Amino acid sequence: AAGAVEMRVSTFPTLHGEKAVVRLFGAAA
């Protein structure tokens, strides 16, 4: 939503399942 933090999700297959990394972009202010 407006003014909140946007996030990017990256998934990657590994030996024990999918790893996920969430990048949190800086707050709008």
mmCIF file of all heavy atoms, coordinates in Angstrom:
data_MODEL
# 
_entry.id   MODEL 
# 
loop_
_atom_site.group_PDB 
_atom_site.id 
_atom_site.type_symbol 
_atom_site.label_atom_id 
_atom_site.label_alt_id 
_atom_site.label_comp_id 
_atom_site.label_asym_id 
_atom_site.label_entity_id 
_atom_site.label_seq_id 
_atom_site.pdbx_PDB_ins_code 
_atom_site.Cartn_x 
_atom_site.Cartn_y 
_atom_site.Cartn_z 
_atom_site.occupancy 
_atom_site.B_iso_or_equiv 
_atom_site.pdbx_formal_charge 
_atom_site.auth_seq_id 
_atom_site.auth_comp_id 
_atom_site.auth_asym_id 
_atom_site.auth_atom_id 
_atom_site.pdbx_PDB_model_num 
ATOM 1   N N   . ALA A 1 1  ? 0.851  -1.200  0.000  1.00 0.00 ? 1  ALA A N   1 
ATOM 2   C CA  . ALA A 1 1  ? 0.000  0.000   0.000  1.00 0.00 ? 1  ALA A CA  1 
ATOM 3   C C   . ALA A 1 1  ? 0.881  1.243   0.000  1.00 0.00 ? 1  ALA A C   1 
ATOM 4   O O   . ALA A 1 1  ? 2.071  1.192   0.308  1.00 0.00 ? 1  ALA A O   1 
ATOM 5   C CB  . ALA A 1 1  ? -0.903 -0.017  1.234  1.00 0.00 ? 1  ALA A CB  1 
ATOM 6   N N   . ALA A 1 2  ? 0.305  2.370   -0.341 1.00 0.00 ? 2  ALA A N   1 
ATOM 7   C CA  . ALA A 1 2  ? 1.047  3.626   -0.396 1.00 0.00 ? 2  ALA A CA  1 
ATOM 8   C C   . ALA A 1 2  ? 1.721  3.898   0.945  1.00 0.00 ? 2  ALA A C   1 
ATOM 9   O O   . ALA A 1 2  ? 1.112  3.793   1.999  1.00 0.00 ? 2  ALA A O   1 
ATOM 10  C CB  . ALA A 1 2  ? 0.106  4.771   -0.756 1.00 0.00 ? 2  ALA A CB  1 
ATOM 11  N N   . GLY A 1 3  ? 3.012  4.243   0.880  1.00 0.00 ? 3  GLY A N   1 
ATOM 12  C CA  . GLY A 1 3  ? 3.751  4.567   2.086  1.00 0.00 ? 3  GLY A CA  1 
ATOM 13  C C   . GLY A 1 3  ? 4.348  3.381   2.797  1.00 0.00 ? 3  GLY A C   1 
ATOM 14  O O   . GLY A 1 3  ? 5.128  3.542   3.736  1.00 0.00 ? 3  GLY A O   1 
ATOM 15  N N   . ALA A 1 4  ? 4.007  2.169   2.373  1.00 0.00 ? 4  ALA A N   1 
ATOM 16  C CA  . ALA A 1 4  ? 4.545  0.977   3.022  1.00 0.00 ? 4  ALA A CA  1 
ATOM 17  C C   . ALA A 1 4  ? 5.769  0.474   2.261  1.00 0.00 ? 4  ALA A C   1 
ATOM 18  O O   . ALA A 1 4  ? 6.130  0.992   1.208  1.00 0.00 ? 4  ALA A O   1 
ATOM 19  C CB  . ALA A 1 4  ? 3.472  -0.106  3.094  1.00 0.00 ? 4  ALA A CB  1 
ATOM 20  N N   . VAL A 1 5  ? 6.393  -0.551  2.817  1.00 0.00 ? 5  VAL A N   1 
ATOM 21  C CA  . VAL A 1 5  ? 7.583  -1.123  2.204  1.00 0.00 ? 5  VAL A CA  1 
ATOM 22  C C   . VAL A 1 5  ? 7.191  -2.126  1.130  1.00 0.00 ? 5  VAL A C   1 
ATOM 23  O O   . VAL A 1 5  ? 6.372  -3.007  1.360  1.00 0.00 ? 5  VAL A O   1 
ATOM 24  C CB  . VAL A 1 5  ? 8.446  -1.818  3.281  1.00 0.00 ? 5  VAL A CB  1 
ATOM 25  C CG1 . VAL A 1 5  ? 9.584  -2.596  2.641  1.00 0.00 ? 5  VAL A CG1 1 
ATOM 26  C CG2 . VAL A 1 5  ? 8.982  -0.793  4.259  1.00 0.00 ? 5  VAL A CG2 1 
ATOM 27  N N   . GLU A 1 6  ? 7.770  -1.983  -0.071 1.00 0.00 ? 6  GLU A N   1 
ATOM 28  C CA  . GLU A 1 6  ? 7.565  -2.978  -1.109 1.00 0.00 ? 6  GLU A CA  1 
ATOM 29  C C   . GLU A 1 6  ? 8.638  -4.049  -0.982 1.00 0.00 ? 6  GLU A C   1 
ATOM 30  O O   . GLU A 1 6  ? 9.724  -3.800  -0.457 1.00 0.00 ? 6  GLU A O   1 
ATOM 31  C CB  . GLU A 1 6  ? 7.602  -2.320  -2.485 1.00 0.00 ? 6  GLU A CB  1 
ATOM 32  C CG  . GLU A 1 6  ? 6.392  -1.451  -2.763 1.00 0.00 ? 6  GLU A CG  1 
ATOM 33  C CD  . GLU A 1 6  ? 6.128  -1.286  -4.246 1.00 0.00 ? 6  GLU A CD  1 
ATOM 34  O OE1 . GLU A 1 6  ? 6.832  -1.921  -5.045 1.00 0.00 ? 6  GLU A OE1 1 
ATOM 35  O OE2 . GLU A 1 6  ? 5.213  -0.528  -4.594 1.00 0.00 ? 6  GLU A OE2 1 
ATOM 36  N N   . MET A 1 7  ? 8.326  -5.246  -1.461 1.00 0.00 ? 7  MET A N   1 
ATOM 37  C CA  . MET A 1 7  ? 9.218  -6.379  -1.265 1.00 0.00 ? 7  MET A CA  1 
ATOM 38  C C   . MET A 1 7  ? 9.374  -7.172  -2.550 1.00 0.00 ? 7  MET A C   1 
ATOM 39  O O   . MET A 1 7  ? 8.446  -7.303  -3.329 1.00 0.00 ? 7  MET A O   1 
ATOM 40  C CB  . MET A 1 7  ? 8.665  -7.294  -0.160 1.00 0.00 ? 7  MET A CB  1 
ATOM 41  C CG  . MET A 1 7  ? 8.357  -6.576  1.143  1.00 0.00 ? 7  MET A CG  1 
ATOM 42  S SD  . MET A 1 7  ? 7.542  -7.645  2.350  1.00 0.00 ? 7  MET A SD  1 
ATOM 43  C CE  . MET A 1 7  ? 7.015  -6.400  3.557  1.00 0.00 ? 7  MET A CE  1 
ATOM 44  N N   . ARG A 1 8  ? 10.582 -7.704  -2.744 1.00 0.00 ? 8  ARG A N   1 
ATOM 45  C CA  . ARG A 1 8  ? 10.855 -8.589  -3.865 1.00 0.00 ? 8  ARG A CA  1 
ATOM 46  C C   . ARG A 1 8  ? 11.154 -9.977  -3.317 1.00 0.00 ? 8  ARG A C   1 
ATOM 47  O O   . ARG A 1 8  ? 11.928 -10.126 -2.367 1.00 0.00 ? 8  ARG A O   1 
ATOM 48  C CB  . ARG A 1 8  ? 12.045 -8.085  -4.681 1.00 0.00 ? 8  ARG A CB  1 
ATOM 49  C CG  . ARG A 1 8  ? 12.306 -8.929  -5.929 1.00 0.00 ? 8  ARG A CG  1 
ATOM 50  C CD  . ARG A 1 8  ? 13.385 -8.313  -6.807 1.00 0.00 ? 8  ARG A CD  1 
ATOM 51  N NE  . ARG A 1 8  ? 14.704 -8.455  -6.205 1.00 0.00 ? 8  ARG A NE  1 
ATOM 52  C CZ  . ARG A 1 8  ? 15.585 -7.476  -6.080 1.00 0.00 ? 8  ARG A CZ  1 
ATOM 53  N NH1 . ARG A 1 8  ? 15.268 -6.271  -6.487 1.00 0.00 ? 8  ARG A NH1 1 
ATOM 54  N NH2 . ARG A 1 8  ? 16.765 -7.686  -5.547 1.00 0.00 ? 8  ARG A NH2 1 
ATOM 55  N N   . VAL A 1 9  ? 10.546 -10.997 -3.903 1.00 0.00 ? 9  VAL A N   1 
ATOM 56  C CA  . VAL A 1 9  ? 10.724 -12.375 -3.456 1.00 0.00 ? 9  VAL A CA  1 
ATOM 57  C C   . VAL A 1 9  ? 11.519 -13.136 -4.511 1.00 0.00 ? 9  VAL A C   1 
ATOM 58  O O   . VAL A 1 9  ? 11.184 -13.111 -5.690 1.00 0.00 ? 9  VAL A O   1 
ATOM 59  C CB  . VAL A 1 9  ? 9.361  -13.064 -3.230 1.00 0.00 ? 9  VAL A CB  1 
ATOM 60  C CG1 . VAL A 1 9  ? 9.559  -14.528 -2.841 1.00 0.00 ? 9  VAL A CG1 1 
ATOM 61  C CG2 . VAL A 1 9  ? 8.563  -12.337 -2.157 1.00 0.00 ? 9  VAL A CG2 1 
ATOM 62  N N   . SER A 1 10 ? 12.565 -13.798 -4.065 1.00 0.00 ? 10 SER A N   1 
ATOM 63  C CA  . SER A 1 10 ? 13.380 -14.626 -4.951 1.00 0.00 ? 10 SER A CA  1 
ATOM 64  C C   . SER A 1 10 ? 13.420 -16.035 -4.379 1.00 0.00 ? 10 SER A C   1 
ATOM 65  O O   . SER A 1 10 ? 13.741 -16.229 -3.199 1.00 0.00 ? 10 SER A O   1 
ATOM 66  C CB  . SER A 1 10 ? 14.798 -14.059 -5.051 1.00 0.00 ? 10 SER A CB  1 
ATOM 67  O OG  . SER A 1 10 ? 15.656 -14.960 -5.743 1.00 0.00 ? 10 SER A OG  1 
ATOM 68  N N   . THR A 1 11 ? 13.076 -17.031 -5.191 1.00 0.00 ? 11 THR A N   1 
ATOM 69  C CA  . THR A 1 11 ? 13.126 -18.427 -4.744 1.00 0.00 ? 11 THR A CA  1 
ATOM 70  C C   . THR A 1 11 ? 14.216 -19.171 -5.509 1.00 0.00 ? 11 THR A C   1 
ATOM 71  O O   . THR A 1 11 ? 14.542 -18.824 -6.655 1.00 0.00 ? 11 THR A O   1 
ATOM 72  C CB  . THR A 1 11 ? 11.781 -19.142 -4.949 1.00 0.00 ? 11 THR A CB  1 
ATOM 73  O OG1 . THR A 1 11 ? 11.477 -19.209 -6.344 1.00 0.00 ? 11 THR A OG1 1 
ATOM 74  C CG2 . THR A 1 11 ? 10.672 -18.404 -4.211 1.00 0.00 ? 11 THR A CG2 1 
ATOM 75  N N   . PHE A 1 12 ? 14.759 -20.202 -4.849 1.00 0.00 ? 12 PHE A N   1 
ATOM 76  C CA  . PHE A 1 12 ? 15.858 -20.949 -5.458 1.00 0.00 ? 12 PHE A CA  1 
ATOM 77  C C   . PHE A 1 12 ? 15.798 -22.387 -4.957 1.00 0.00 ? 12 PHE A C   1 
ATOM 78  O O   . PHE A 1 12 ? 15.746 -22.623 -3.750 1.00 0.00 ? 12 PHE A O   1 
ATOM 79  C CB  . PHE A 1 12 ? 17.196 -20.310 -5.070 1.00 0.00 ? 12 PHE A CB  1 
ATOM 80  C CG  . PHE A 1 12 ? 18.364 -20.793 -5.887 1.00 0.00 ? 12 PHE A CG  1 
ATOM 81  C CD1 . PHE A 1 12 ? 18.632 -20.227 -7.119 1.00 0.00 ? 12 PHE A CD1 1 
ATOM 82  C CD2 . PHE A 1 12 ? 19.175 -21.806 -5.416 1.00 0.00 ? 12 PHE A CD2 1 
ATOM 83  C CE1 . PHE A 1 12 ? 19.712 -20.668 -7.873 1.00 0.00 ? 12 PHE A CE1 1 
ATOM 84  C CE2 . PHE A 1 12 ? 20.256 -22.265 -6.162 1.00 0.00 ? 12 PHE A CE2 1 
ATOM 85  C CZ  . PHE A 1 12 ? 20.530 -21.687 -7.397 1.00 0.00 ? 12 PHE A CZ  1 
ATOM 86  N N   . PRO A 1 13 ? 15.798 -23.377 -5.875 1.00 0.00 ? 13 PRO A N   1 
ATOM 87  C CA  . PRO A 1 13 ? 15.721 -24.781 -5.441 1.00 0.00 ? 13 PRO A CA  1 
ATOM 88  C C   . PRO A 1 13 ? 17.012 -25.234 -4.768 1.00 0.00 ? 13 PRO A C   1 
ATOM 89  O O   . PRO A 1 13 ? 18.112 -24.965 -5.267 1.00 0.00 ? 13 PRO A O   1 
ATOM 90  C CB  . PRO A 1 13 ? 15.475 -25.537 -6.750 1.00 0.00 ? 13 PRO A CB  1 
ATOM 91  C CG  . PRO A 1 13 ? 16.002 -24.660 -7.830 1.00 0.00 ? 13 PRO A CG  1 
ATOM 92  C CD  . PRO A 1 13 ? 15.805 -23.251 -7.352 1.00 0.00 ? 13 PRO A CD  1 
ATOM 93  N N   . THR A 1 14 ? 16.902 -25.890 -3.617 1.00 0.00 ? 14 THR A N   1 
ATOM 94  C CA  . THR A 1 14 ? 18.060 -26.409 -2.899 1.00 0.00 ? 14 THR A CA  1 
ATOM 95  C C   . THR A 1 14 ? 17.835 -27.875 -2.543 1.00 0.00 ? 14 THR A C   1 
ATOM 96  O O   . THR A 1 14 ? 16.759 -28.429 -2.814 1.00 0.00 ? 14 THR A O   1 
ATOM 97  C CB  . THR A 1 14 ? 18.335 -25.605 -1.608 1.00 0.00 ? 14 THR A CB  1 
ATOM 98  O OG1 . THR A 1 14 ? 17.301 -25.901 -0.651 1.00 0.00 ? 14 THR A OG1 1 
ATOM 99  C CG2 . THR A 1 14 ? 18.368 -24.115 -1.873 1.00 0.00 ? 14 THR A CG2 1 
ATOM 100 N N   . LEU A 1 15 ? 18.805 -28.479 -1.898 1.00 0.00 ? 15 LEU A N   1 
ATOM 101 C CA  . LEU A 1 15 ? 18.741 -29.892 -1.555 1.00 0.00 ? 15 LEU A CA  1 
ATOM 102 C C   . LEU A 1 15 ? 17.524 -30.231 -0.702 1.00 0.00 ? 15 LEU A C   1 
ATOM 103 O O   . LEU A 1 15 ? 16.895 -31.274 -0.879 1.00 0.00 ? 15 LEU A O   1 
ATOM 104 C CB  . LEU A 1 15 ? 20.026 -30.292 -0.817 1.00 0.00 ? 15 LEU A CB  1 
ATOM 105 C CG  . LEU A 1 15 ? 20.123 -31.740 -0.337 1.00 0.00 ? 15 LEU A CG  1 
ATOM 106 C CD1 . LEU A 1 15 ? 20.115 -32.693 -1.533 1.00 0.00 ? 15 LEU A CD1 1 
ATOM 107 C CD2 . LEU A 1 15 ? 21.384 -31.940 0.501  1.00 0.00 ? 15 LEU A CD2 1 
ATOM 108 N N   . HIS A 1 16 ? 17.172 -29.345 0.229  1.00 0.00 ? 16 HIS A N   1 
ATOM 109 C CA  . HIS A 1 16 ? 16.090 -29.636 1.168  1.00 0.00 ? 16 HIS A CA  1 
ATOM 110 C C   . HIS A 1 16 ? 14.794 -28.879 0.848  1.00 0.00 ? 16 HIS A C   1 
ATOM 111 O O   . HIS A 1 16 ? 13.890 -28.838 1.676  1.00 0.00 ? 16 HIS A O   1 
ATOM 112 C CB  . HIS A 1 16 ? 16.546 -29.305 2.593  1.00 0.00 ? 16 HIS A CB  1 
ATOM 113 C CG  . HIS A 1 16 ? 17.684 -30.146 3.064  1.00 0.00 ? 16 HIS A CG  1 
ATOM 114 N ND1 . HIS A 1 16 ? 17.555 -31.477 3.373  1.00 0.00 ? 16 HIS A ND1 1 
ATOM 115 C CD2 . HIS A 1 16 ? 19.000 -29.842 3.243  1.00 0.00 ? 16 HIS A CD2 1 
ATOM 116 C CE1 . HIS A 1 16 ? 18.729 -31.960 3.746  1.00 0.00 ? 16 HIS A CE1 1 
ATOM 117 N NE2 . HIS A 1 16 ? 19.621 -30.998 3.680  1.00 0.00 ? 16 HIS A NE2 1 
ATOM 118 N N   . GLY A 1 17 ? 14.718 -28.288 -0.323 1.00 0.00 ? 17 GLY A N   1 
ATOM 119 C CA  . GLY A 1 17 ? 13.510 -27.561 -0.700 1.00 0.00 ? 17 GLY A CA  1 
ATOM 120 C C   . GLY A 1 17 ? 13.838 -26.170 -1.205 1.00 0.00 ? 17 GLY A C   1 
ATOM 121 O O   . GLY A 1 17 ? 15.011 -25.809 -1.377 1.00 0.00 ? 17 GLY A O   1 
ATOM 122 N N   . GLU A 1 18 ? 12.806 -25.391 -1.453 1.00 0.00 ? 18 GLU A N   1 
ATOM 123 C CA  . GLU A 1 18 ? 13.013 -24.052 -1.991 1.00 0.00 ? 18 GLU A CA  1 
ATOM 124 C C   . GLU A 1 18 ? 13.455 -23.072 -0.914 1.00 0.00 ? 18 GLU A C   1 
ATOM 125 O O   . GLU A 1 18 ? 12.820 -22.941 0.130  1.00 0.00 ? 18 GLU A O   1 
ATOM 126 C CB  . GLU A 1 18 ? 11.725 -23.536 -2.625 1.00 0.00 ? 18 GLU A CB  1 
ATOM 127 C CG  . GLU A 1 18 ? 11.449 -24.074 -4.003 1.00 0.00 ? 18 GLU A CG  1 
ATOM 128 C CD  . GLU A 1 18 ? 10.251 -23.394 -4.630 1.00 0.00 ? 18 GLU A CD  1 
ATOM 129 O OE1 . GLU A 1 18 ? 9.128  -23.651 -4.180 1.00 0.00 ? 18 GLU A OE1 1 
ATOM 130 O OE2 . GLU A 1 18 ? 10.439 -22.605 -5.568 1.00 0.00 ? 18 GLU A OE2 1 
ATOM 131 N N   . LYS A 1 19 ? 14.543 -22.389 -1.202 1.00 0.00 ? 19 LYS A N   1 
ATOM 132 C CA  . LYS A 1 19 ? 14.965 -21.286 -0.350 1.00 0.00 ? 19 LYS A CA  1 
ATOM 133 C C   . LYS A 1 19 ? 14.324 -20.012 -0.872 1.00 0.00 ? 19 LYS A C   1 
ATOM 134 O O   . LYS A 1 19 ? 14.207 -19.813 -2.085 1.00 0.00 ? 19 LYS A O   1 
ATOM 135 C CB  . LYS A 1 19 ? 16.487 -21.131 -0.367 1.00 0.00 ? 19 LYS A CB  1 
ATOM 136 C CG  . LYS A 1 19 ? 16.983 -19.928 0.438  1.00 0.00 ? 19 LYS A CG  1 
ATOM 137 C CD  . LYS A 1 19 ? 18.484 -19.746 0.346  1.00 0.00 ? 19 LYS A CD  1 
ATOM 138 C CE  . LYS A 1 19 ? 18.913 -18.515 1.141  1.00 0.00 ? 19 LYS A CE  1 
ATOM 139 N NZ  . LYS A 1 19 ? 20.370 -18.274 1.060  1.00 0.00 ? 19 LYS A NZ  1 
ATOM 140 N N   . ALA A 1 20 ? 13.905 -19.141 0.025  1.00 0.00 ? 20 ALA A N   1 
ATOM 141 C CA  . ALA A 1 20 ? 13.314 -17.863 -0.371 1.00 0.00 ? 20 ALA A CA  1 
ATOM 142 C C   . ALA A 1 20 ? 14.063 -16.730 0.315  1.00 0.00 ? 20 ALA A C   1 
ATOM 143 O O   . ALA A 1 20 ? 14.422 -16.829 1.495  1.00 0.00 ? 20 ALA A O   1 
ATOM 144 C CB  . ALA A 1 20 ? 11.834 -17.807 -0.004 1.00 0.00 ? 20 ALA A CB  1 
ATOM 145 N N   . VAL A 1 21 ? 14.305 -15.677 -0.436 1.00 0.00 ? 21 VAL A N   1 
ATOM 146 C CA  . VAL A 1 21 ? 14.881 -14.451 0.114  1.00 0.00 ? 21 VAL A CA  1 
ATOM 147 C C   . VAL A 1 21 ? 13.948 -13.303 -0.235 1.00 0.00 ? 21 VAL A C   1 
ATOM 148 O O   . VAL A 1 21 ? 13.570 -13.135 -1.398 1.00 0.00 ? 21 VAL A O   1 
ATOM 149 C CB  . VAL A 1 21 ? 16.293 -14.168 -0.438 1.00 0.00 ? 21 VAL A CB  1 
ATOM 150 C CG1 . VAL A 1 21 ? 16.804 -12.820 0.072  1.00 0.00 ? 21 VAL A CG1 1 
ATOM 151 C CG2 . VAL A 1 21 ? 17.258 -15.282 -0.041 1.00 0.00 ? 21 VAL A CG2 1 
ATOM 152 N N   . VAL A 1 22 ? 13.554 -12.560 0.765  1.00 0.00 ? 22 VAL A N   1 
ATOM 153 C CA  . VAL A 1 22 ? 12.672 -11.404 0.573  1.00 0.00 ? 22 VAL A CA  1 
ATOM 154 C C   . VAL A 1 22 ? 13.498 -10.149 0.757  1.00 0.00 ? 22 VAL A C   1 
ATOM 155 O O   . VAL A 1 22 ? 14.090 -9.930  1.819  1.00 0.00 ? 22 VAL A O   1 
ATOM 156 C CB  . VAL A 1 22 ? 11.501 -11.421 1.579  1.00 0.00 ? 22 VAL A CB  1 
ATOM 157 C CG1 . VAL A 1 22 ? 10.568 -10.244 1.313  1.00 0.00 ? 22 VAL A CG1 1 
ATOM 158 C CG2 . VAL A 1 22 ? 10.747 -12.738 1.509  1.00 0.00 ? 22 VAL A CG2 1 
ATOM 159 N N   . ARG A 1 23 ? 13.577 -9.327  -0.271 1.00 0.00 ? 23 ARG A N   1 
ATOM 160 C CA  . ARG A 1 23 ? 14.259 -8.039  -0.182 1.00 0.00 ? 23 ARG A CA  1 
ATOM 161 C C   . ARG A 1 23 ? 13.217 -6.980  0.145  1.00 0.00 ? 23 ARG A C   1 
ATOM 162 O O   . ARG A 1 23 ? 12.220 -6.818  -0.566 1.00 0.00 ? 23 ARG A O   1 
ATOM 163 C CB  . ARG A 1 23 ? 14.954 -7.712  -1.498 1.00 0.00 ? 23 ARG A CB  1 
ATOM 164 C CG  . ARG A 1 23 ? 15.417 -6.272  -1.684 1.00 0.00 ? 23 ARG A CG  1 
ATOM 165 C CD  . ARG A 1 23 ? 16.438 -5.814  -0.672 1.00 0.00 ? 23 ARG A CD  1 
ATOM 166 N NE  . ARG A 1 23 ? 17.643 -6.610  -0.666 1.00 0.00 ? 23 ARG A NE  1 
ATOM 167 C CZ  . ARG A 1 23 ? 18.714 -6.343  -1.424 1.00 0.00 ? 23 ARG A CZ  1 
ATOM 168 N NH1 . ARG A 1 23 ? 18.686 -5.325  -2.265 1.00 0.00 ? 23 ARG A NH1 1 
ATOM 169 N NH2 . ARG A 1 23 ? 19.784 -7.106  -1.333 1.00 0.00 ? 23 ARG A NH2 1 
ATOM 170 N N   . LEU A 1 24 ? 13.436 -6.259  1.250  1.00 0.00 ? 24 LEU A N   1 
ATOM 171 C CA  . LEU A 1 24 ? 12.529 -5.194  1.663  1.00 0.00 ? 24 LEU A CA  1 
ATOM 172 C C   . LEU A 1 24 ? 13.139 -3.867  1.257  1.00 0.00 ? 24 LEU A C   1 
ATOM 173 O O   . LEU A 1 24 ? 14.214 -3.493  1.727  1.00 0.00 ? 24 LEU A O   1 
ATOM 174 C CB  . LEU A 1 24 ? 12.307 -5.224  3.181  1.00 0.00 ? 24 LEU A CB  1 
ATOM 175 C CG  . LEU A 1 24 ? 11.495 -6.389  3.750  1.00 0.00 ? 24 LEU A CG  1 
ATOM 176 C CD1 . LEU A 1 24 ? 12.359 -7.632  3.907  1.00 0.00 ? 24 LEU A CD1 1 
ATOM 177 C CD2 . LEU A 1 24 ? 10.903 -6.005  5.095  1.00 0.00 ? 24 LEU A CD2 1 
ATOM 178 N N   . PHE A 1 25 ? 12.469 -3.176  0.348  1.00 0.00 ? 25 PHE A N   1 
ATOM 179 C CA  . PHE A 1 25 ? 12.953 -1.876  -0.085 1.00 0.00 ? 25 PHE A CA  1 
ATOM 180 C C   . PHE A 1 25 ? 12.677 -0.855  1.000  1.00 0.00 ? 25 PHE A C   1 
ATOM 181 O O   . PHE A 1 25 ? 11.712 -0.956  1.755  1.00 0.00 ? 25 PHE A O   1 
ATOM 182 C CB  . PHE A 1 25 ? 12.278 -1.453  -1.400 1.00 0.00 ? 25 PHE A CB  1 
ATOM 183 C CG  . PHE A 1 25 ? 12.471 -2.460  -2.491 1.00 0.00 ? 25 PHE A CG  1 
ATOM 184 C CD1 . PHE A 1 25 ? 11.407 -2.915  -3.227 1.00 0.00 ? 25 PHE A CD1 1 
ATOM 185 C CD2 . PHE A 1 25 ? 13.717 -2.979  -2.759 1.00 0.00 ? 25 PHE A CD2 1 
ATOM 186 C CE1 . PHE A 1 25 ? 11.574 -3.853  -4.236 1.00 0.00 ? 25 PHE A CE1 1 
ATOM 187 C CE2 . PHE A 1 25 ? 13.907 -3.914  -3.761 1.00 0.00 ? 25 PHE A CE2 1 
ATOM 188 C CZ  . PHE A 1 25 ? 12.835 -4.357  -4.507 1.00 0.00 ? 25 PHE A CZ  1 
ATOM 189 N N   . GLY A 1 26 ? 13.516 0.164   1.075  1.00 0.00 ? 26 GLY A N   1 
ATOM 190 C CA  . GLY A 1 26 ? 13.372 1.178   2.107  1.00 0.00 ? 26 GLY A CA  1 
ATOM 191 C C   . GLY A 1 26 ? 11.993 1.802   2.107  1.00 0.00 ? 26 GLY A C   1 
ATOM 192 O O   . GLY A 1 26 ? 11.348 1.960   1.075  1.00 0.00 ? 26 GLY A O   1 
ATOM 193 N N   . ALA A 1 27 ? 11.522 2.166   3.286  1.00 0.00 ? 27 ALA A N   1 
ATOM 194 C CA  . ALA A 1 27 ? 10.220 2.810   3.400  1.00 0.00 ? 27 ALA A CA  1 
ATOM 195 C C   . ALA A 1 27 ? 10.188 4.079   2.570  1.00 0.00 ? 27 ALA A C   1 
ATOM 196 O O   . ALA A 1 27 ? 11.195 4.732   2.360  1.00 0.00 ? 27 ALA A O   1 
ATOM 197 C CB  . ALA A 1 27 ? 9.921  3.129   4.865  1.00 0.00 ? 27 ALA A CB  1 
ATOM 198 N N   . ALA A 1 28 ? 9.005  4.413   2.101  1.00 0.00 ? 28 ALA A N   1 
ATOM 199 C CA  . ALA A 1 28 ? 8.853  5.536   1.173  1.00 0.00 ? 28 ALA A CA  1 
ATOM 200 C C   . ALA A 1 28 ? 9.367  6.840   1.748  1.00 0.00 ? 28 ALA A C   1 
ATOM 201 O O   . ALA A 1 28 ? 9.790  7.733   1.021  1.00 0.00 ? 28 ALA A O   1 
ATOM 202 C CB  . ALA A 1 28 ? 7.386  5.674   0.776  1.00 0.00 ? 28 ALA A CB  1 
ATOM 203 N N   . ALA A 1 29 ? 9.343  6.984   3.069  1.00 0.00 ? 29 ALA A N   1 
ATOM 204 C CA  . ALA A 1 29 ? 9.749  8.255   3.681  1.00 0.00 ? 29 ALA A CA  1 
ATOM 205 C C   . ALA A 1 29 ? 11.244 8.339   3.931  1.00 0.00 ? 29 ALA A C   1 
ATOM 206 O O   . ALA A 1 29 ? 11.740 9.371   4.372  1.00 0.00 ? 29 ALA A O   1 
ATOM 207 C CB  . ALA A 1 29 ? 8.999  8.452   5.006  1.00 0.00 ? 29 ALA A CB  1 
# 
